[in-house]
Amino acid sequence: MTSNRKRSKKTSPNGEYGKSFSSTSSVATVFNHFALHKLSQNVAKSQYFSENDALKLHYKSECPWESRNECHTLEYDVVDDTSLDKFMEKLSQRVDDVAKELRSGWGIDV
């Protein structure tokens, strides 16, 4: 995430390729990216955010098969993504701390 600073310019329209947060207290089952069986009717419907507020990024080595018709656009029509820059220092420090803890737990010199 810290070394890949390019992302596709294209963002998907609402309703395509969404992600969701589901509470286990209100949802019985989840299918892929949405609540399949809700425990009550008052569970909130889908809510969409603008790309200025939220982006879902996938870090993949190749274009997914379902996007094969637009792979060239997705892979080469890109912008520099600086959305993680403000978290970089703290993220790097926390990753280093966890790596040190894991190495010490395995008896590896830190």
PDB file of N, CA and C in Angstrom:
ATOM      1  N   MET A   1       0.828  -1.202   0.000  1.00  0.00           N
ATOM      2  CA  MET A   1       0.000   0.000   0.000  1.00  0.00           C
ATOM      3  C   MET A   1       0.866   1.257   0.000  1.00  0.00           C
ATOM      4  N   THR A   2       2.028   1.170   0.610  1.00  0.00           N
ATOM      5  CA  THR A   2       2.861   2.375   0.697  1.00  0.00           C
ATOM      6  C   THR A   2       3.712   2.576  -0.540  1.00  0.00           C
ATOM      7  N   SER A   3       3.972   1.532  -1.294  1.00  0.00           N
ATOM      8  CA  SER A   3       4.819   1.685  -2.474  1.00  0.00           C
ATOM      9  C   SER A   3       4.018   1.845  -3.763  1.00  0.00           C
ATOM     10  N   ASN A   4       2.773   1.437  -3.780  1.00  0.00           N
ATOM     11  CA  ASN A   4       1.939   1.570  -4.971  1.00  0.00           C
ATOM     12  C   ASN A   4       1.159   2.873  -4.870  1.00  0.00           C
ATOM     13  N   ARG A   5       1.645   3.892  -5.531  1.00  0.00           N
ATOM     14  CA  ARG A   5       1.022   5.214  -5.435  1.00  0.00           C
ATOM     15  C   ARG A   5       0.158   5.540  -6.649  1.00  0.00           C
ATOM     16  N   LYS A   6      -0.084   4.573  -7.500  1.00  0.00           N
ATOM     17  CA  LYS A   6      -0.916   4.806  -8.679  1.00  0.00           C
ATOM     18  C   LYS A   6      -2.227   4.050  -8.519  1.00  0.00           C
ATOM     19  N   ARG A   7      -3.303   4.665  -8.950  1.00  0.00           N
ATOM     20  CA  ARG A   7      -4.595   3.996  -8.984  1.00  0.00           C
ATOM     21  C   ARG A   7      -5.319   4.431 -10.236  1.00  0.00           C
ATOM     22  N   SER A   8      -6.278   3.638 -10.627  1.00  0.00           N
ATOM     23  CA  SER A   8      -7.057   3.959 -11.813  1.00  0.00           C
ATOM     24  C   SER A   8      -7.812   5.272 -11.608  1.00  0.00           C
ATOM     25  N   LYS A   9      -7.898   6.057 -12.659  1.00  0.00           N
ATOM     26  CA  LYS A   9      -8.716   7.283 -12.603  1.00  0.00           C
ATOM     27  C   LYS A   9     -10.194   6.933 -12.492  1.00  0.00           C
ATOM     28  N   LYS A  10     -10.561   5.801 -13.079  1.00  0.00           N
ATOM     29  CA  LYS A  10     -11.967   5.416 -13.143  1.00  0.00           C
ATOM     30  C   LYS A  10     -12.453   4.934 -11.774  1.00  0.00           C
ATOM     31  N   THR A  11     -13.596   5.428 -11.377  1.00  0.00           N
ATOM     32  CA  THR A  11     -14.267   4.889 -10.198  1.00  0.00           C
ATOM     33  C   THR A  11     -15.595   4.292 -10.662  1.00  0.00           C
ATOM     34  N   SER A  12     -16.018   3.261  -9.991  1.00  0.00           N
ATOM     35  CA  SER A  12     -17.242   2.564 -10.387  1.00  0.00           C
ATOM     36  C   SER A  12     -18.475   3.337  -9.964  1.00  0.00           C
ATOM     37  N   PRO A  13     -19.538   3.247 -10.739  1.00  0.00           N
ATOM     38  CA  PRO A  13     -20.793   3.904 -10.350  1.00  0.00           C
ATOM     39  C   PRO A  13     -21.403   3.232  -9.123  1.00  0.00           C
ATOM     40  N   ASN A  14     -22.271   3.960  -8.431  1.00  0.00           N
ATOM     41  CA  ASN A  14     -22.968   3.397  -7.271  1.00  0.00           C
ATOM     42  C   ASN A  14     -23.633   2.077  -7.646  1.00  0.00           C
ATOM     43  N   GLY A  15     -23.498   1.113  -6.751  1.00  0.00           N
ATOM     44  CA  GLY A  15     -24.113  -0.184  -6.974  1.00  0.00           C
ATOM     45  C   GLY A  15     -23.191  -1.208  -7.599  1.00  0.00           C
ATOM     46  N   GLU A  16     -22.045  -0.790  -8.113  1.00  0.00           N
ATOM     47  CA  GLU A  16     -21.085  -1.723  -8.695  1.00  0.00           C
ATOM     48  C   GLU A  16     -19.870  -1.843  -7.797  1.00  0.00           C
ATOM     49  N   TYR A  17     -19.441  -3.054  -7.539  1.00  0.00           N
ATOM     50  CA  TYR A  17     -18.203  -3.324  -6.800  1.00  0.00           C
ATOM     51  C   TYR A  17     -18.168  -2.666  -5.421  1.00  0.00           C
ATOM     52  N   GLY A  18     -19.278  -2.630  -4.735  1.00  0.00           N
ATOM     53  CA  GLY A  18     -19.331  -1.994  -3.428  1.00  0.00           C
ATOM     54  C   GLY A  18     -18.752  -2.848  -2.314  1.00  0.00           C
ATOM     55  N   LYS A  19     -18.491  -2.235  -1.205  1.00  0.00           N
ATOM     56  CA  LYS A  19     -18.088  -2.907   0.035  1.00  0.00           C
ATOM     57  C   LYS A  19     -19.094  -2.497   1.099  1.00  0.00           C
ATOM     58  N   SER A  20     -19.198  -3.309   2.136  1.00  0.00           N
ATOM     59  CA  SER A  20     -20.141  -2.951   3.184  1.00  0.00           C
ATOM     60  C   SER A  20     -19.601  -3.309   4.554  1.00  0.00           C
ATOM     61  N   PHE A  21     -20.170  -2.690   5.547  1.00  0.00           N
ATOM     62  CA  PHE A  21     -19.920  -3.011   6.943  1.00  0.00           C
ATOM     63  C   PHE A  21     -21.209  -3.609   7.469  1.00  0.00           C
ATOM     64  N   SER A  22     -21.127  -4.774   8.058  1.00  0.00           N
ATOM     65  CA  SER A  22     -22.320  -5.447   8.554  1.00  0.00           C
ATOM     66  C   SER A  22     -22.146  -5.769  10.026  1.00  0.00           C
ATOM     67  N   SER A  23     -23.140  -5.433  10.805  1.00  0.00           N
ATOM     68  CA  SER A  23     -23.121  -5.722  12.231  1.00  0.00           C
ATOM     69  C   SER A  23     -23.672  -7.116  12.477  1.00  0.00           C
ATOM     70  N   THR A  24     -22.962  -7.920  13.251  1.00  0.00           N
ATOM     71  CA  THR A  24     -23.435  -9.268  13.552  1.00  0.00           C
ATOM     72  C   THR A  24     -24.677  -9.258  14.433  1.00  0.00           C
ATOM     73  N   SER A  25     -24.999  -8.118  15.015  1.00  0.00           N
ATOM     74  CA  SER A  25     -26.217  -8.045  15.818  1.00  0.00           C
ATOM     75  C   SER A  25     -27.457  -7.779  14.967  1.00  0.00           C
ATOM     76  N   SER A  26     -27.269  -7.416  13.684  1.00  0.00           N
ATOM     77  CA  SER A  26     -28.430  -7.125  12.849  1.00  0.00           C
ATOM     78  C   SER A  26     -28.467  -7.918  11.534  1.00  0.00           C
ATOM     79  N   VAL A  27     -27.414  -8.686  11.259  1.00  0.00           N
ATOM     80  CA  VAL A  27     -27.338  -9.431  10.008  1.00  0.00           C
ATOM     81  C   VAL A  27     -26.985 -10.880  10.314  1.00  0.00           C
ATOM     82  N   ALA A  28     -27.738 -11.813   9.733  1.00  0.00           N
ATOM     83  CA  ALA A  28     -27.479 -13.237   9.971  1.00  0.00           C
ATOM     84  C   ALA A  28     -26.411 -13.778   9.025  1.00  0.00           C
ATOM     85  N   THR A  29     -26.484 -13.409   7.739  1.00  0.00           N
ATOM     86  CA  THR A  29     -25.493 -13.880   6.767  1.00  0.00           C
ATOM     87  C   THR A  29     -25.101 -12.740   5.831  1.00  0.00           C
ATOM     88  N   VAL A  30     -23.897 -12.849   5.350  1.00  0.00           N
ATOM     89  CA  VAL A  30     -23.372 -11.853   4.411  1.00  0.00           C
ATOM     90  C   VAL A  30     -22.914 -12.590   3.171  1.00  0.00           C
ATOM     91  N   PHE A  31     -23.266 -12.072   2.011  1.00  0.00           N
ATOM     92  CA  PHE A  31     -22.815 -12.638   0.748  1.00  0.00           C
ATOM     93  C   PHE A  31     -21.889 -11.640   0.078  1.00  0.00           C
ATOM     94  N   ASN A  32     -20.678 -12.051  -0.140  1.00  0.00           N
ATOM     95  CA  ASN A  32     -19.700 -11.243  -0.838  1.00  0.00           C
ATOM     96  C   ASN A  32     -19.564  -9.852  -0.209  1.00  0.00           C
ATOM     97  N   HIS A  33     -20.343  -8.890  -0.650  1.00  0.00           N
ATOM     98  CA  HIS A  33     -20.169  -7.528  -0.159  1.00  0.00           C
ATOM     99  C   HIS A  33     -21.445  -6.882   0.379  1.00  0.00           C
ATOM    100  N   PHE A  34     -22.433  -7.684   0.725  1.00  0.00           N
ATOM    101  CA  PHE A  34     -23.663  -7.083   1.249  1.00  0.00           C
ATOM    102  C   PHE A  34     -24.395  -8.073   2.153  1.00  0.00           C
ATOM    103  N   ALA A  35     -25.292  -7.524   2.987  1.00  0.00           N
ATOM    104  CA  ALA A  35     -26.088  -8.355   3.898  1.00  0.00           C
ATOM    105  C   ALA A  35     -27.087  -9.166   3.082  1.00  0.00           C
ATOM    106  N   LEU A  36     -27.064 -10.465   3.267  1.00  0.00           N
ATOM    107  CA  LEU A  36     -27.975 -11.343   2.537  1.00  0.00           C
ATOM    108  C   LEU A  36     -29.251 -11.600   3.341  1.00  0.00           C
ATOM    109  N   HIS A  37     -29.096 -11.930   4.621  1.00  0.00           N
ATOM    110  CA  HIS A  37     -30.253 -12.174   5.486  1.00  0.00           C
ATOM    111  C   HIS A  37     -30.174 -11.235   6.690  1.00  0.00           C
ATOM    112  N   LYS A  38     -31.099 -10.292   6.735  1.00  0.00           N
ATOM    113  CA  LYS A  38     -31.156  -9.323   7.838  1.00  0.00           C
ATOM    114  C   LYS A  38     -32.036  -9.882   8.951  1.00  0.00           C
ATOM    115  N   LEU A  39     -31.691  -9.562  10.185  1.00  0.00           N
ATOM    116  CA  LEU A  39     -32.462 -10.054  11.325  1.00  0.00           C
ATOM    117  C   LEU A  39     -33.700  -9.210  11.602  1.00  0.00           C
ATOM    118  N   SER A  40     -33.747  -8.021  11.027  1.00  0.00           N
ATOM    119  CA  SER A  40     -34.943  -7.182  11.147  1.00  0.00           C
ATOM    120  C   SER A  40     -35.053  -6.312   9.913  1.00  0.00           C
ATOM    121  N   GLN A  41     -36.235  -5.799   9.667  1.00  0.00           N
ATOM    122  CA  GLN A  41     -36.476  -4.984   8.473  1.00  0.00           C
ATOM    123  C   GLN A  41     -35.874  -3.583   8.568  1.00  0.00           C
ATOM    124  N   ASN A  42     -35.542  -3.144   9.776  1.00  0.00           N
ATOM    125  CA  ASN A  42     -35.049  -1.776   9.915  1.00  0.00           C
ATOM    126  C   ASN A  42     -33.531  -1.643   9.746  1.00  0.00           C
ATOM    127  N   VAL A  43     -32.880  -2.685   9.238  1.00  0.00           N
ATOM    128  CA  VAL A  43     -31.451  -2.594   8.925  1.00  0.00           C
ATOM    129  C   VAL A  43     -31.290  -1.628   7.761  1.00  0.00           C
ATOM    130  N   ALA A  44     -30.360  -0.719   7.895  1.00  0.00           N
ATOM    131  CA  ALA A  44     -30.179   0.337   6.893  1.00  0.00           C
ATOM    132  C   ALA A  44     -29.896  -0.228   5.507  1.00  0.00           C
ATOM    133  N   LYS A  45     -30.420   0.439   4.516  1.00  0.00           N
ATOM    134  CA  LYS A  45     -30.158   0.100   3.122  1.00  0.00           C
ATOM    135  C   LYS A  45     -28.739   0.560   2.767  1.00  0.00           C
ATOM    136  N   SER A  46     -28.315   0.276   1.571  1.00  0.00           N
ATOM    137  CA  SER A  46     -26.982   0.689   1.116  1.00  0.00           C
ATOM    138  C   SER A  46     -26.858   2.205   1.122  1.00  0.00           C
ATOM    139  N   GLN A  47     -25.687   2.633   1.502  1.00  0.00           N
ATOM    140  CA  GLN A  47     -25.383   4.062   1.504  1.00  0.00           C
ATOM    141  C   GLN A  47     -24.098   4.237   0.700  1.00  0.00           C
ATOM    142  N   TYR A  48     -24.087   5.169  -0.203  1.00  0.00           N
ATOM    143  CA  TYR A  48     -22.928   5.371  -1.067  1.00  0.00           C
ATOM    144  C   TYR A  48     -22.243   6.683  -0.707  1.00  0.00           C
ATOM    145  N   PHE A  49     -20.930   6.693  -0.888  1.00  0.00           N
ATOM    146  CA  PHE A  49     -20.126   7.869  -0.573  1.00  0.00           C
ATOM    147  C   PHE A  49     -19.438   8.354  -1.831  1.00  0.00           C
ATOM    148  N   SER A  50     -19.171   9.642  -1.878  1.00  0.00           N
ATOM    149  CA  SER A  50     -18.454  10.186  -3.024  1.00  0.00           C
ATOM    150  C   SER A  50     -16.996   9.755  -2.944  1.00  0.00           C
ATOM    151  N   GLU A  51     -16.317   9.787  -4.076  1.00  0.00           N
ATOM    152  CA  GLU A  51     -14.908   9.385  -4.082  1.00  0.00           C
ATOM    153  C   GLU A  51     -14.041  10.357  -3.288  1.00  0.00           C
ATOM    154  N   ASN A  52     -14.555  11.523  -2.960  1.00  0.00           N
ATOM    155  CA  ASN A  52     -13.815  12.456  -2.096  1.00  0.00           C
ATOM    156  C   ASN A  52     -13.839  12.007  -0.638  1.00  0.00           C
ATOM    157  N   ASP A  53     -14.853  11.220  -0.275  1.00  0.00           N
ATOM    158  CA  ASP A  53     -15.009  10.758   1.108  1.00  0.00           C
ATOM    159  C   ASP A  53     -14.473   9.352   1.343  1.00  0.00           C
ATOM    160  N   ALA A  54     -14.535   8.499   0.345  1.00  0.00           N
ATOM    161  CA  ALA A  54     -14.099   7.113   0.530  1.00  0.00           C
ATOM    162  C   ALA A  54     -13.739   6.492  -0.814  1.00  0.00           C
ATOM    163  N   LEU A  55     -12.684   5.695  -0.801  1.00  0.00           N
ATOM    164  CA  LEU A  55     -12.292   4.925  -1.978  1.00  0.00           C
ATOM    165  C   LEU A  55     -12.024   3.493  -1.558  1.00  0.00           C
ATOM    166  N   LYS A  56     -12.465   2.571  -2.347  1.00  0.00           N
ATOM    167  CA  LYS A  56     -12.133   1.167  -2.137  1.00  0.00           C
ATOM    168  C   LYS A  56     -11.035   0.841  -3.134  1.00  0.00           C
ATOM    169  N   LEU A  57      -9.902   0.426  -2.614  1.00  0.00           N
ATOM    170  CA  LEU A  57      -8.771   0.124  -3.485  1.00  0.00           C
ATOM    171  C   LEU A  57      -8.436  -1.350  -3.389  1.00  0.00           C
ATOM    172  N   HIS A  58      -8.168  -1.966  -4.520  1.00  0.00           N
ATOM    173  CA  HIS A  58      -7.683  -3.337  -4.554  1.00  0.00           C
ATOM    174  C   HIS A  58      -6.249  -3.293  -5.056  1.00  0.00           C
ATOM    175  N   TYR A  59      -5.400  -4.021  -4.405  1.00  0.00           N
ATOM    176  CA  TYR A  59      -4.006  -4.106  -4.826  1.00  0.00           C
ATOM    177  C   TYR A  59      -3.820  -5.482  -5.446  1.00  0.00           C
ATOM    178  N   LYS A  60      -3.872  -5.529  -6.762  1.00  0.00           N
ATOM    179  CA  LYS A  60      -3.808  -6.809  -7.463  1.00  0.00           C
ATOM    180  C   LYS A  60      -2.687  -6.771  -8.492  1.00  0.00           C
ATOM    181  N   SER A  61      -2.120  -7.933  -8.752  1.00  0.00           N
ATOM    182  CA  SER A  61      -1.036  -8.020  -9.722  1.00  0.00           C
ATOM    183  C   SER A  61      -1.544  -8.027 -11.159  1.00  0.00           C
ATOM    184  N   GLU A  62      -2.816  -8.351 -11.329  1.00  0.00           N
ATOM    185  CA  GLU A  62      -3.385  -8.348 -12.673  1.00  0.00           C
ATOM    186  C   GLU A  62      -4.855  -7.954 -12.620  1.00  0.00           C
ATOM    187  N   CYS A  63      -5.370  -7.600 -13.750  1.00  0.00           N
ATOM    188  CA  CYS A  63      -6.753  -7.154 -13.852  1.00  0.00           C
ATOM    189  C   CYS A  63      -7.706  -8.315 -13.576  1.00  0.00           C
ATOM    190  N   PRO A  64      -8.746  -8.116 -12.751  1.00  0.00           N
ATOM    191  CA  PRO A  64      -9.702  -9.198 -12.489  1.00  0.00           C
ATOM    192  C   PRO A  64     -10.493  -9.551 -13.756  1.00  0.00           C
ATOM    193  N   TRP A  65     -10.864 -10.814 -13.855  1.00  0.00           N
ATOM    194  CA  TRP A  65     -11.531 -11.282 -15.076  1.00  0.00           C
ATOM    195  C   TRP A  65     -12.819 -10.530 -15.366  1.00  0.00           C
ATOM    196  N   GLU A  66     -13.553 -10.124 -14.334  1.00  0.00           N
ATOM    197  CA  GLU A  66     -14.827  -9.435 -14.577  1.00  0.00           C
ATOM    198  C   GLU A  66     -14.631  -8.032 -15.148  1.00  0.00           C
ATOM    199  N   SER A  67     -13.401  -7.530 -15.116  1.00  0.00           N
ATOM    200  CA  SER A  67     -13.102  -6.200 -15.667  1.00  0.00           C
ATOM    201  C   SER A  67     -12.287  -6.298 -16.955  1.00  0.00           C
ATOM    202  N   ARG A  68     -12.208  -7.470 -17.542  1.00  0.00           N
ATOM    203  CA  ARG A  68     -11.313  -7.704 -18.679  1.00  0.00           C
ATOM    204  C   ARG A  68     -11.549  -6.762 -19.857  1.00  0.00           C
ATOM    205  N   ASN A  69     -12.773  -6.307 -20.061  1.00  0.00           N
ATOM    206  CA  ASN A  69     -13.058  -5.428 -21.198  1.00  0.00           C
ATOM    207  C   ASN A  69     -12.522  -4.014 -20.998  1.00  0.00           C
ATOM    208  N   GLU A  70     -12.185  -3.675 -19.776  1.00  0.00           N
ATOM    209  CA  GLU A  70     -11.669  -2.330 -19.515  1.00  0.00           C
ATOM    210  C   GLU A  70     -10.295  -2.350 -18.847  1.00  0.00           C
ATOM    211  N   CYS A  71      -9.605  -3.467 -18.929  1.00  0.00           N
ATOM    212  CA  CYS A  71      -8.303  -3.608 -18.264  1.00  0.00           C
ATOM    213  C   CYS A  71      -7.309  -2.538 -18.693  1.00  0.00           C
ATOM    214  N   HIS A  72      -7.244  -2.283 -19.979  1.00  0.00           N
ATOM    215  CA  HIS A  72      -6.273  -1.301 -20.448  1.00  0.00           C
ATOM    216  C   HIS A  72      -6.512   0.056 -19.778  1.00  0.00           C
ATOM    217  N   THR A  73      -7.751   0.480 -19.718  1.00  0.00           N
ATOM    218  CA  THR A  73      -8.086   1.754 -19.076  1.00  0.00           C
ATOM    219  C   THR A  73      -7.755   1.718 -17.595  1.00  0.00           C
ATOM    220  N   LEU A  74      -8.125   0.636 -16.916  1.00  0.00           N
ATOM    221  CA  LEU A  74      -7.887   0.529 -15.481  1.00  0.00           C
ATOM    222  C   LEU A  74      -6.398   0.524 -15.135  1.00  0.00           C
ATOM    223  N   GLU A  75      -5.587  -0.105 -15.971  1.00  0.00           N
ATOM    224  CA  GLU A  75      -4.170  -0.245 -15.677  1.00  0.00           C
ATOM    225  C   GLU A  75      -3.314   0.928 -16.129  1.00  0.00           C
ATOM    226  N   TYR A  76      -3.756   1.654 -17.159  1.00  0.00           N
ATOM    227  CA  TYR A  76      -2.882   2.685 -17.725  1.00  0.00           C
ATOM    228  C   TYR A  76      -3.414   4.108 -17.623  1.00  0.00           C
ATOM    229  N   ASP A  77      -4.692   4.279 -17.377  1.00  0.00           N
ATOM    230  CA  ASP A  77      -5.251   5.622 -17.179  1.00  0.00           C
ATOM    231  C   ASP A  77      -5.304   5.856 -15.669  1.00  0.00           C
ATOM    232  N   VAL A  78      -4.162   6.283 -15.102  1.00  0.00           N
ATOM    233  CA  VAL A  78      -3.998   6.314 -13.654  1.00  0.00           C
ATOM    234  C   VAL A  78      -3.689   7.720 -13.139  1.00  0.00           C
ATOM    235  N   VAL A  79      -3.847   7.877 -11.844  1.00  0.00           N
ATOM    236  CA  VAL A  79      -3.489   9.117 -11.157  1.00  0.00           C
ATOM    237  C   VAL A  79      -2.593   8.772  -9.975  1.00  0.00           C
ATOM    238  N   ASP A  80      -1.819   9.737  -9.523  1.00  0.00           N
ATOM    239  CA  ASP A  80      -0.992   9.561  -8.335  1.00  0.00           C
ATOM    240  C   ASP A  80      -1.906   9.643  -7.114  1.00  0.00           C
ATOM    241  N   ASP A  81      -1.895   8.617  -6.294  1.00  0.00           N
ATOM    242  CA  ASP A  81      -2.775   8.549  -5.128  1.00  0.00           C
ATOM    243  C   ASP A  81      -1.994   8.903  -3.859  1.00  0.00           C
ATOM    244  N   THR A  82      -2.350   9.992  -3.251  1.00  0.00           N
ATOM    245  CA  THR A  82      -1.672  10.454  -2.028  1.00  0.00           C
ATOM    246  C   THR A  82      -2.551  10.284  -0.803  1.00  0.00           C
ATOM    247  N   SER A  83      -3.623   9.504  -0.912  1.00  0.00           N
ATOM    248  CA  SER A  83      -4.598   9.408   0.179  1.00  0.00           C
ATOM    249  C   SER A  83      -4.019   8.808   1.460  1.00  0.00           C
ATOM    250  N   LEU A  84      -2.976   7.985   1.366  1.00  0.00           N
ATOM    251  CA  LEU A  84      -2.386   7.390   2.565  1.00  0.00           C
ATOM    252  C   LEU A  84      -1.224   8.193   3.141  1.00  0.00           C
ATOM    253  N   ASP A  85      -0.801   9.227   2.448  1.00  0.00           N
ATOM    254  CA  ASP A  85       0.373   9.989   2.887  1.00  0.00           C
ATOM    255  C   ASP A  85       0.265  10.486   4.324  1.00  0.00           C
ATOM    256  N   LYS A  86      -0.902  10.952   4.725  1.00  0.00           N
ATOM    257  CA  LYS A  86      -1.055  11.507   6.070  1.00  0.00           C
ATOM    258  C   LYS A  86      -0.941  10.439   7.161  1.00  0.00           C
ATOM    259  N   PHE A  87      -1.068   9.166   6.791  1.00  0.00           N
ATOM    260  CA  PHE A  87      -0.964   8.065   7.756  1.00  0.00           C
ATOM    261  C   PHE A  87       0.391   7.356   7.711  1.00  0.00           C
ATOM    262  N   MET A  88       1.226   7.722   6.747  1.00  0.00           N
ATOM    263  CA  MET A  88       2.424   6.960   6.442  1.00  0.00           C
ATOM    264  C   MET A  88       3.381   6.808   7.627  1.00  0.00           C
ATOM    265  N   GLU A  89       3.691   7.874   8.315  1.00  0.00           N
ATOM    266  CA  GLU A  89       4.659   7.797   9.402  1.00  0.00           C
ATOM    267  C   GLU A  89       4.153   6.894  10.533  1.00  0.00           C
ATOM    268  N   LYS A  90       2.917   7.109  10.959  1.00  0.00           N
ATOM    269  CA  LYS A  90       2.355   6.300  12.039  1.00  0.00           C
ATOM    270  C   LYS A  90       2.185   4.842  11.603  1.00  0.00           C
ATOM    271  N   LEU A  91       1.742   4.627  10.378  1.00  0.00           N
ATOM    272  CA  LEU A  91       1.573   3.274   9.861  1.00  0.00           C
ATOM    273  C   LEU A  91       2.910   2.534   9.829  1.00  0.00           C
ATOM    274  N   SER A  92       3.930   3.169   9.302  1.00  0.00           N
ATOM    275  CA  SER A  92       5.255   2.546   9.229  1.00  0.00           C
ATOM    276  C   SER A  92       5.772   2.192  10.614  1.00  0.00           C
ATOM    277  N   GLN A  93       5.597   3.088  11.568  1.00  0.00           N
ATOM    278  CA  GLN A  93       6.062   2.825  12.930  1.00  0.00           C
ATOM    279  C   GLN A  93       5.312   1.649  13.551  1.00  0.00           C
ATOM    280  N   ARG A  94       4.009   1.601  13.354  1.00  0.00           N
ATOM    281  CA  ARG A  94       3.216   0.513  13.932  1.00  0.00           C
ATOM    282  C   ARG A  94       3.558  -0.835  13.287  1.00  0.00           C
ATOM    283  N   VAL A  95       3.780  -0.840  11.987  1.00  0.00           N
ATOM    284  CA  VAL A  95       4.174  -2.080  11.311  1.00  0.00           C
ATOM    285  C   VAL A  95       5.534  -2.540  11.836  1.00  0.00           C
ATOM    286  N   ASP A  96       6.482  -1.611  11.985  1.00  0.00           N
ATOM    287  CA  ASP A  96       7.805  -1.952  12.534  1.00  0.00           C
ATOM    288  C   ASP A  96       7.685  -2.513  13.945  1.00  0.00           C
ATOM    289  N   ASP A  97       6.842  -1.899  14.772  1.00  0.00           N
ATOM    290  CA  ASP A  97       6.660  -2.368  16.153  1.00  0.00           C
ATOM    291  C   ASP A  97       6.104  -3.798  16.188  1.00  0.00           C
ATOM    292  N   VAL A  98       5.118  -4.070  15.352  1.00  0.00           N
ATOM    293  CA  VAL A  98       4.527  -5.413  15.306  1.00  0.00           C
ATOM    294  C   VAL A  98       5.554  -6.421  14.789  1.00  0.00           C
ATOM    295  N   ALA A  99       6.314  -6.045  13.772  1.00  0.00           N
ATOM    296  CA  ALA A  99       7.332  -6.957  13.234  1.00  0.00           C
ATOM    297  C   ALA A  99       8.368  -7.291  14.304  1.00  0.00           C
ATOM    298  N   LYS A 100       8.784  -6.291  15.083  1.00  0.00           N
ATOM    299  CA  LYS A 100       9.747  -6.544  16.165  1.00  0.00           C
ATOM    300  C   LYS A 100       9.153  -7.487  17.209  1.00  0.00           C
ATOM    301  N   GLU A 101       7.901  -7.270  17.558  1.00  0.00           N
ATOM    302  CA  GLU A 101       7.240  -8.119  18.547  1.00  0.00           C
ATOM    303  C   GLU A 101       7.125  -9.555  18.039  1.00  0.00           C
ATOM    304  N   LEU A 102       6.771  -9.722  16.783  1.00  0.00           N
ATOM    305  CA  LEU A 102       6.666 -11.056  16.212  1.00  0.00           C
ATOM    306  C   LEU A 102       8.025 -11.752  16.166  1.00  0.00           C
ATOM    307  N   ARG A 103       9.054 -11.014  15.763  1.00  0.00           N
ATOM    308  CA  ARG A 103      10.391 -11.614  15.711  1.00  0.00           C
ATOM    309  C   ARG A 103      10.859 -12.021  17.098  1.00  0.00           C
ATOM    310  N   SER A 104      10.605 -11.191  18.107  1.00  0.00           N
ATOM    311  CA  SER A 104      11.049 -11.527  19.454  1.00  0.00           C
ATOM    312  C   SER A 104      10.270 -12.726  20.002  1.00  0.00           C
ATOM    313  N   GLY A 105       9.008 -12.853  19.640  1.00  0.00           N
ATOM    314  CA  GLY A 105       8.208 -13.999  20.046  1.00  0.00           C
ATOM    315  C   GLY A 105       8.699 -15.302  19.436  1.00  0.00           C
ATOM    316  N   TRP A 106       9.329 -15.209  18.280  1.00  0.00           N
ATOM    317  CA  TRP A 106       9.864 -16.385  17.608  1.00  0.00           C
ATOM    318  C   TRP A 106      11.339 -16.603  17.971  1.00  0.00           C
ATOM    319  N   GLY A 107      11.858 -15.749  18.858  1.00  0.00           N
ATOM    320  CA  GLY A 107      13.237 -15.896  19.287  1.00  0.00           C
ATOM    321  C   GLY A 107      14.253 -15.437  18.252  1.00  0.00           C
ATOM    322  N   ILE A 108      13.841 -14.561  17.358  1.00  0.00           N
ATOM    323  CA  ILE A 108      14.732 -14.035  16.325  1.00  0.00           C
ATOM    324  C   ILE A 108      15.318 -12.727  16.839  1.00  0.00           C
ATOM    325  N   ASP A 109      16.636 -12.550  16.693  1.00  0.00           N
ATOM    326  CA  ASP A 109      17.263 -11.295  17.132  1.00  0.00           C
ATOM    327  C   ASP A 109      16.649 -10.126  16.402  1.00  0.00           C
ATOM    328  N   VAL A 110      16.346  -9.089  17.187  1.00  0.00           N
ATOM    329  CA  VAL A 110      15.688  -7.911  16.639  1.00  0.00           C
ATOM    330  C   VAL A 110      16.691  -6.878  16.250  1.00  0.00           C
TER     331      VAL A 110
END
